[in-house]
C-alpha atoms as a PDB file:
ATOM      1  CA  MET A   1       0.766  12.047  47.873  1.00  0.00           C
ATOM      2  CA  LYS A   2      -0.815  15.175  49.224  1.00  0.00           C
ATOM      3  CA  ASP A   3      -0.737  18.725  47.471  1.00  0.00           C
ATOM      4  CA  LEU A   4       0.986  20.752  50.349  1.00  0.00           C
ATOM      5  CA  LYS A   5       1.478  23.880  47.926  1.00  0.00           C
ATOM      6  CA  GLY A   6      -2.779  23.379  47.570  1.00  0.00           C
ATOM      7  CA  LEU A   7      -3.753  22.897  51.273  1.00  0.00           C
ATOM      8  CA  LYS A   8      -1.258  25.392  52.122  1.00  0.00           C
ATOM      9  CA  LEU A   9      -3.220  27.819  49.656  1.00  0.00           C
ATOM     10  CA  ALA A  10      -6.627  26.396  51.433  1.00  0.00           C
ATOM     11  CA  ALA A  11      -5.673  27.407  54.451  1.00  0.00           C
ATOM     12  CA  LEU A  12      -4.175  30.777  53.779  1.00  0.00           C
ATOM     13  CA  TYR A  13      -7.565  32.213  52.241  1.00  0.00           C
ATOM     14  CA  GLY A  14      -9.741  29.989  54.391  1.00  0.00           C
ATOM     15  CA  TYR A  15      -8.205  31.638  57.938  1.00  0.00           C
ATOM     16  CA  GLU A  16     -10.331  34.072  59.266  1.00  0.00           C
ATOM     17  CA  CYS A  17     -13.403  33.244  57.395  1.00  0.00           C
ATOM     18  CA  LEU A  18     -16.824  33.457  59.066  1.00  0.00           C
ATOM     19  CA  MET A  19     -17.102  29.434  59.380  1.00  0.00           C
ATOM     20  CA  ALA A  20     -13.125  29.249  60.168  1.00  0.00           C
ATOM     21  CA  LYS A  21     -14.068  31.436  62.825  1.00  0.00           C
ATOM     22  CA  LYS A  22     -17.277  29.803  64.044  1.00  0.00           C
ATOM     23  CA  MET A  23     -15.737  26.518  64.132  1.00  0.00           C
ATOM     24  CA  GLY A  24     -12.828  27.548  66.152  1.00  0.00           C
ATOM     25  CA  ILE A  25     -10.063  26.651  63.667  1.00  0.00           C
ATOM     26  CA  ASN A  26      -8.524  29.836  62.964  1.00  0.00           C
ATOM     27  CA  GLY A  27      -5.372  29.130  65.219  1.00  0.00           C
ATOM     28  CA  ILE A  28      -4.836  25.612  63.058  1.00  0.00           C
ATOM     29  CA  LEU A  29      -5.111  26.741  59.616  1.00  0.00           C
ATOM     30  CA  PHE A  30      -2.470  29.866  60.621  1.00  0.00           C
ATOM     31  CA  SER A  31       0.031  27.614  61.954  1.00  0.00           C
ATOM     32  CA  PHE A  32       0.033  25.780  58.776  1.00  0.00           C
ATOM     33  CA  VAL A  33       0.373  28.866  56.788  1.00  0.00           C
ATOM     34  CA  ILE A  34       3.550  30.009  58.729  1.00  0.00           C
ATOM     35  CA  LYS A  35       5.058  26.620  60.580  1.00  0.00           C
ATOM     36  CA  GLY A  36       3.789  23.875  58.321  1.00  0.00           C
ATOM     37  CA  GLU A  37       2.612  22.020  61.878  1.00  0.00           C
ATOM     38  CA  GLY A  38      -0.579  20.093  62.049  1.00  0.00           C
ATOM     39  CA  LEU A  39      -0.734  18.666  58.660  1.00  0.00           C
ATOM     40  CA  GLU A  40      -3.681  16.017  59.106  1.00  0.00           C
ATOM     41  CA  GLU A  41      -5.340  18.291  61.278  1.00  0.00           C
ATOM     42  CA  THR A  42      -5.163  21.014  58.952  1.00  0.00           C
ATOM     43  CA  GLU A  43      -6.394  18.936  56.444  1.00  0.00           C
ATOM     44  CA  LYS A  44      -9.553  18.025  58.763  1.00  0.00           C
ATOM     45  CA  ALA A  45     -10.427  21.329  59.539  1.00  0.00           C
ATOM     46  CA  LEU A  46     -10.331  22.848  55.927  1.00  0.00           C
ATOM     47  CA  LYS A  47     -12.513  20.420  55.013  1.00  0.00           C
ATOM     48  CA  LYS A  48     -15.604  21.656  57.036  1.00  0.00           C
ATOM     49  CA  LEU A  49     -15.119  24.727  55.398  1.00  0.00           C
ATOM     50  CA  VAL A  50     -17.685  25.576  52.866  1.00  0.00           C
ATOM     51  CA  ALA A  51     -15.050  26.131  49.921  1.00  0.00           C
ATOM     52  CA  PHE A  52     -14.185  22.231  50.077  1.00  0.00           C
ATOM     53  CA  HIS A  53     -16.858  21.513  48.117  1.00  0.00           C
ATOM     54  CA  TRP A  54     -16.201  24.141  45.442  1.00  0.00           C
ATOM     55  CA  TYR A  55     -12.551  22.128  45.218  1.00  0.00           C
ATOM     56  CA  LYS A  56     -14.107  19.092  44.749  1.00  0.00           C
ATOM     57  CA  LEU A  57     -16.280  20.186  41.952  1.00  0.00           C
ATOM     58  CA  ILE A  58     -13.337  21.766  39.973  1.00  0.00           C
ATOM     59  CA  ALA A  59     -11.647  18.688  40.374  1.00  0.00           C
ATOM     60  CA  ALA A  60     -13.928  16.103  39.519  1.00  0.00           C
ATOM     61  CA  TYR A  61     -14.706  18.498  36.406  1.00  0.00           C
ATOM     62  CA  HIS A  62     -10.772  18.940  35.607  1.00  0.00           C
ATOM     63  CA  GLY A  63     -10.327  14.755  36.339  1.00  0.00           C
ATOM     64  CA  PHE A  64      -7.626  15.768  39.367  1.00  0.00           C
ATOM     65  CA  GLU A  65      -7.812  13.203  42.040  1.00  0.00           C
ATOM     66  CA  ASP A  66      -6.802  15.613  44.600  1.00  0.00           C
ATOM     67  CA  PRO A  67      -9.501  18.420  45.836  1.00  0.00           C
ATOM     68  CA  PHE A  68      -6.248  20.539  47.348  1.00  0.00           C
ATOM     69  CA  ASP A  69      -4.453  20.406  44.121  1.00  0.00           C
ATOM     70  CA  ARG A  70      -2.717  23.757  44.240  1.00  0.00           C
ATOM     71  CA  ARG A  71      -4.523  24.290  40.536  1.00  0.00           C
ATOM     72  CA  VAL A  72      -7.806  23.665  41.723  1.00  0.00           C
ATOM     73  CA  VAL A  73      -7.370  26.039  45.233  1.00  0.00           C
ATOM     74  CA  ARG A  74      -5.835  28.662  42.686  1.00  0.00           C
ATOM     75  CA  ALA A  75      -9.079  28.188  40.373  1.00  0.00           C
ATOM     76  CA  TYR A  76     -11.539  28.883  43.545  1.00  0.00           C
ATOM     77  CA  TRP A  77      -9.650  31.445  45.151  1.00  0.00           C
ATOM     78  CA  THR A  78      -8.235  33.957  42.650  1.00  0.00           C
ATOM     79  CA  GLY A  79      -9.028  31.827  38.809  1.00  0.00           C
ATOM     80  CA  ASN A  80      -6.377  30.576  36.759  1.00  0.00           C
ATOM     81  CA  ARG A  81      -7.115  28.422  33.297  1.00  0.00           C
ATOM     82  CA  TYR A  82      -9.055  25.627  35.245  1.00  0.00           C
ATOM     83  CA  LEU A  83     -11.974  28.180  36.673  1.00  0.00           C
ATOM     84  CA  ARG A  84     -14.654  27.170  33.967  1.00  0.00           C
ATOM     85  CA  ARG A  85     -18.436  27.571  33.972  1.00  0.00           C
ATOM     86  CA  ILE A  86     -19.631  24.229  35.076  1.00  0.00           C
ATOM     87  CA  GLU A  87     -22.685  23.310  32.924  1.00  0.00           C
ATOM     88  CA  LYS A  88     -25.677  21.324  34.816  1.00  0.00           C
ATOM     89  CA  GLU A  89     -29.240  19.877  33.719  1.00  0.00           C
ATOM     90  CA  LYS A  90     -30.944  23.028  35.271  1.00  0.00           C
ATOM     91  CA  GLY A  91     -28.209  25.858  34.362  1.00  0.00           C
ATOM     92  CA  PHE A  92     -24.982  26.292  35.573  1.00  0.00           C
ATOM     93  CA  LEU A  93     -22.106  26.696  38.496  1.00  0.00           C
ATOM     94  CA  PHE A  94     -19.258  29.428  38.273  1.00  0.00           C
ATOM     95  CA  PRO A  95     -16.844  27.811  41.207  1.00  0.00           C
ATOM     96  CA  PHE A  96     -15.389  31.124  41.978  1.00  0.00           C
ATOM     97  CA  HIS A  97     -15.570  32.551  45.463  1.00  0.00           C
ATOM     98  CA  ASN A  98     -16.243  36.202  44.663  1.00  0.00           C
ATOM     99  CA  PHE A  99     -19.142  34.182  42.659  1.00  0.00           C
ATOM    100  CA  THR A 100     -20.523  31.911  45.134  1.00  0.00           C
ATOM    101  CA  ILE A 101     -20.409  34.485  48.017  1.00  0.00           C
ATOM    102  CA  LEU A 102     -23.071  36.476  46.216  1.00  0.00           C
ATOM    103  CA  ASP A 103     -26.205  34.185  46.210  1.00  0.00           C
ATOM    104  CA  SER A 104     -25.651  33.111  50.008  1.00  0.00           C
ATOM    105  CA  ILE A 105     -25.069  36.893  50.419  1.00  0.00           C
ATOM    106  CA  HIS A 106     -27.938  38.130  48.730  1.00  0.00           C
ATOM    107  CA  ARG A 107     -30.432  35.712  49.924  1.00  0.00           C
ATOM    108  CA  SER A 108     -29.113  36.619  54.052  1.00  0.00           C
ATOM    109  CA  LYS A 109     -29.689  40.475  53.087  1.00  0.00           C
ATOM    110  CA  THR A 110     -26.116  41.235  54.212  1.00  0.00           C
ATOM    111  CA  ALA A 111     -24.801  44.377  54.820  1.00  0.00           C
ATOM    112  CA  LEU A 112     -22.342  45.563  51.557  1.00  0.00           C
ATOM    113  CA  SER A 113     -19.481  46.879  53.715  1.00  0.00           C
ATOM    114  CA  LEU A 114     -19.959  42.534  54.913  1.00  0.00           C
ATOM    115  CA  ILE A 115     -19.928  41.549  50.912  1.00  0.00           C
ATOM    116  CA  ASP A 116     -16.779  43.671  50.695  1.00  0.00           C
ATOM    117  CA  GLU A 117     -14.948  42.100  53.483  1.00  0.00           C
ATOM    118  CA  CYS A 118     -16.070  38.749  52.402  1.00  0.00           C
ATOM    119  CA  LYS A 119     -14.381  39.055  48.457  1.00  0.00           C
ATOM    120  CA  ILE A 120     -11.180  38.655  47.744  1.00  0.00           C
ATOM    121  CA  SER A 121      -9.763  42.423  46.600  1.00  0.00           C
ATOM    122  CA  VAL A 122      -6.920  43.603  45.273  1.00  0.00           C
ATOM    123  CA  GLY A 123      -5.075  46.326  46.055  1.00  0.00           C
ATOM    124  CA  GLN A 124      -2.149  48.269  45.394  1.00  0.00           C
ATOM    125  CA  VAL A 125       0.606  49.384  48.649  1.00  0.00           C
ATOM    126  CA  LEU A 126       1.132  52.766  48.878  1.00  0.00           C
ATOM    127  CA  GLU A 127       2.272  52.480  52.059  1.00  0.00           C
ATOM    128  CA  THR A 128       3.432  50.394  55.036  1.00  0.00           C
ATOM    129  CA  ARG A 129       3.190  51.424  59.065  1.00  0.00           C
ATOM    130  CA  GLY A 130       4.470  48.679  60.885  1.00  0.00           C
ATOM    131  CA  GLU A 131       2.249  45.747  60.738  1.00  0.00           C
ATOM    132  CA  ASP A 132      -0.282  48.170  58.816  1.00  0.00           C
ATOM    133  CA  LEU A 133      -0.672  48.832  55.053  1.00  0.00           C
ATOM    134  CA  ILE A 134      -2.560  51.215  53.274  1.00  0.00           C
ATOM    135  CA  VAL A 135      -3.952  50.375  49.817  1.00  0.00           C
ATOM    136  CA  GLU A 136      -5.744  51.295  47.276  1.00  0.00           C
ATOM    137  CA  TYR A 137      -8.574  49.598  45.852  1.00  0.00           C
ATOM    138  CA  TYR A 138     -11.831  49.651  44.016  1.00  0.00           C
ATOM    139  CA  PRO A 139     -14.601  49.267  46.843  1.00  0.00           C
ATOM    140  CA  LEU A 140     -17.885  46.900  45.886  1.00  0.00           C
ATOM    141  CA  ILE A 141     -20.753  49.656  45.867  1.00  0.00           C
ATOM    142  CA  LYS A 142     -24.096  49.519  44.661  1.00  0.00           C
ATOM    143  CA  ARG A 143     -26.215  51.025  41.994  1.00  0.00           C
ATOM    144  CA  SER A 144     -29.519  50.568  40.511  1.00  0.00           C
ATOM    145  CA  SER A 145     -28.578  47.995  38.280  1.00  0.00           C
ATOM    146  CA  GLY A 146     -26.829  46.161  41.521  1.00  0.00           C
ATOM    147  CA  LEU A 147     -23.226  45.460  42.760  1.00  0.00           C
ATOM    148  CA  CYS A 148     -20.588  46.268  41.306  1.00  0.00           C
ATOM    149  CA  LEU A 149     -16.789  47.623  41.234  1.00  0.00           C
ATOM    150  CA  ALA A 150     -16.565  51.013  41.759  1.00  0.00           C
ATOM    151  CA  ASP A 151     -14.652  53.017  39.140  1.00  0.00           C
ATOM    152  CA  PHE A 152     -12.641  55.001  41.460  1.00  0.00           C
ATOM    153  CA  THR A 153     -10.298  53.734  44.060  1.00  0.00           C
ATOM    154  CA  GLU A 154     -10.650  54.204  47.679  1.00  0.00           C
ATOM    155  CA  LYS A 155      -7.520  54.040  50.564  1.00  0.00           C
ATOM    156  CA  ARG A 156      -8.156  51.777  53.248  1.00  0.00           C
ATOM    157  CA  VAL A 157      -5.722  49.803  55.975  1.00  0.00           C
ATOM    158  CA  ILE A 158      -5.290  46.619  56.391  1.00  0.00           C
ATOM    159  CA  LYS A 159      -3.355  44.164  58.050  1.00  0.00           C
ATOM    160  CA  LYS A 160       0.165  43.374  56.676  1.00  0.00           C
ATOM    161  CA  GLY A 161      -0.961  39.590  57.149  1.00  0.00           C
ATOM    162  CA  PHE A 162       0.545  36.787  56.101  1.00  0.00           C
ATOM    163  CA  LEU A 163       3.247  38.874  53.451  1.00  0.00           C
ATOM    164  CA  LYS A 164       7.087  39.135  55.488  1.00  0.00           C
ATOM    165  CA  GLN A 165       8.458  41.627  52.628  1.00  0.00           C
ATOM    166  CA  VAL A 166       5.917  43.802  50.828  1.00  0.00           C
ATOM    167  CA  GLN A 167       6.751  47.541  49.679  1.00  0.00           C
ATOM    168  CA  LYS A 168       4.904  50.871  47.869  1.00  0.00           C
ATOM    169  CA  GLY A 169       3.891  50.006  44.748  1.00  0.00           C
ATOM    170  CA  ASP A 170       3.183  46.074  45.323  1.00  0.00           C
ATOM    171  CA  PHE A 171      -0.312  44.607  44.377  1.00  0.00           C
ATOM    172  CA  ILE A 172      -1.551  42.235  46.908  1.00  0.00           C
ATOM    173  CA  THR A 173      -4.910  40.314  47.534  1.00  0.00           C
ATOM    174  CA  PHE A 174      -6.926  40.763  50.910  1.00  0.00           C
ATOM    175  CA  HIS A 175      -9.583  38.885  52.275  1.00  0.00           C
ATOM    176  CA  TYR A 176     -11.550  40.356  55.702  1.00  0.00           C
ATOM    177  CA  GLY A 177      -8.799  43.250  55.752  1.00  0.00           C
ATOM    178  CA  ILE A 178      -5.912  40.643  55.896  1.00  0.00           C
ATOM    179  CA  ALA A 179      -3.136  40.776  53.589  1.00  0.00           C
ATOM    180  CA  ARG A 180      -3.035  36.999  52.299  1.00  0.00           C
ATOM    181  CA  GLU A 181      -0.286  37.301  48.693  1.00  0.00           C
ATOM    182  CA  ARG A 182       1.359  39.310  46.471  1.00  0.00           C
ATOM    183  CA  MET A 183       0.182  39.430  42.904  1.00  0.00           C
ATOM    184  CA  SER A 184       1.721  40.815  39.578  1.00  0.00           C
ATOM    185  CA  LYS A 185      -0.449  43.651  37.662  1.00  0.00           C
ATOM    186  CA  VAL A 186      -1.508  41.216  35.006  1.00  0.00           C
ATOM    187  CA  GLN A 187      -2.624  38.526  37.745  1.00  0.00           C
ATOM    188  CA  ALA A 188      -4.297  41.701  39.651  1.00  0.00           C
ATOM    189  CA  ARG A 189      -5.967  43.057  36.443  1.00  0.00           C
ATOM    190  CA  SER A 190      -7.455  39.250  36.050  1.00  0.00           C
ATOM    191  CA  LEU A 191      -8.550  38.550  39.328  1.00  0.00           C
ATOM    192  CA  TRP A 192     -10.542  42.260  38.855  1.00  0.00           C
ATOM    193  CA  ARG A 193     -12.258  41.110  35.431  1.00  0.00           C
ATOM    194  CA  ARG A 194     -13.063  38.127  37.202  1.00  0.00           C
ATOM    195  CA  THR A 195     -14.645  39.984  40.002  1.00  0.00           C
ATOM    196  CA  GLN A 196     -16.437  42.257  38.077  1.00  0.00           C
ATOM    197  CA  ASP A 197     -17.786  39.216  35.472  1.00  0.00           C
ATOM    198  CA  SER A 198     -18.704  37.650  38.357  1.00  0.00           C
ATOM    199  CA  LEU A 199     -20.964  40.795  39.188  1.00  0.00           C
ATOM    200  CA  ASP A 200     -22.581  41.224  35.809  1.00  0.00           C
ATOM    201  CA  LEU A 201     -23.219  37.447  35.621  1.00  0.00           C
ATOM    202  CA  PHE A 202     -25.041  37.427  39.307  1.00  0.00           C
ATOM    203  CA  LYS A 203     -27.509  40.502  37.702  1.00  0.00           C
ATOM    204  CA  GLU A 204     -28.069  38.549  34.678  1.00  0.00           C
ATOM    205  CA  LEU A 205     -28.846  35.425  36.688  1.00  0.00           C
ATOM    206  CA  ARG A 206     -31.624  37.680  38.981  1.00  0.00           C
ATOM    207  CA  SER A 207     -33.155  39.913  36.232  1.00  0.00           C
END
């Protein structure tokens, strides 16, 4: 039996990513998240995204049959107890989105602002303005030691996106300027820590 919540979570975070845009599948993902339409078409589309490779890796490592199991998908995008460094013969893999994007971005010398767009960010809502949200978050910055999360917050306007109800003070995730989910304060801190740990690990591996 397919894990519909896992598929929905994968579509929620896969929507508007660079590959989804390139392949023209954003409409498929959006319809599935909002209306639950097009199950088979959505699954087929999600299997074309890079994230599916990481779902399969996490699932195999923990013995899950379904790569779209919600626990697997959650581990990759925002982290949970199934997020582990996976040991390999010549090192290890860390199947967490905010880590996996770093190497490909580094090799392509992508601008810092685009890296910040691609990562899963967590912000706190300061104000709602129609379909927009004003949030404060910790941006990605570059120092002599490498990439890190700033020790200061910045304000940013993002789209309300998939959040039907949101209010001042809420913690939310956003990706490519679009809100995805509400989170508890504990979950928000956990995602922030995992992101900083990923940046520290990347610097360690590049040194």
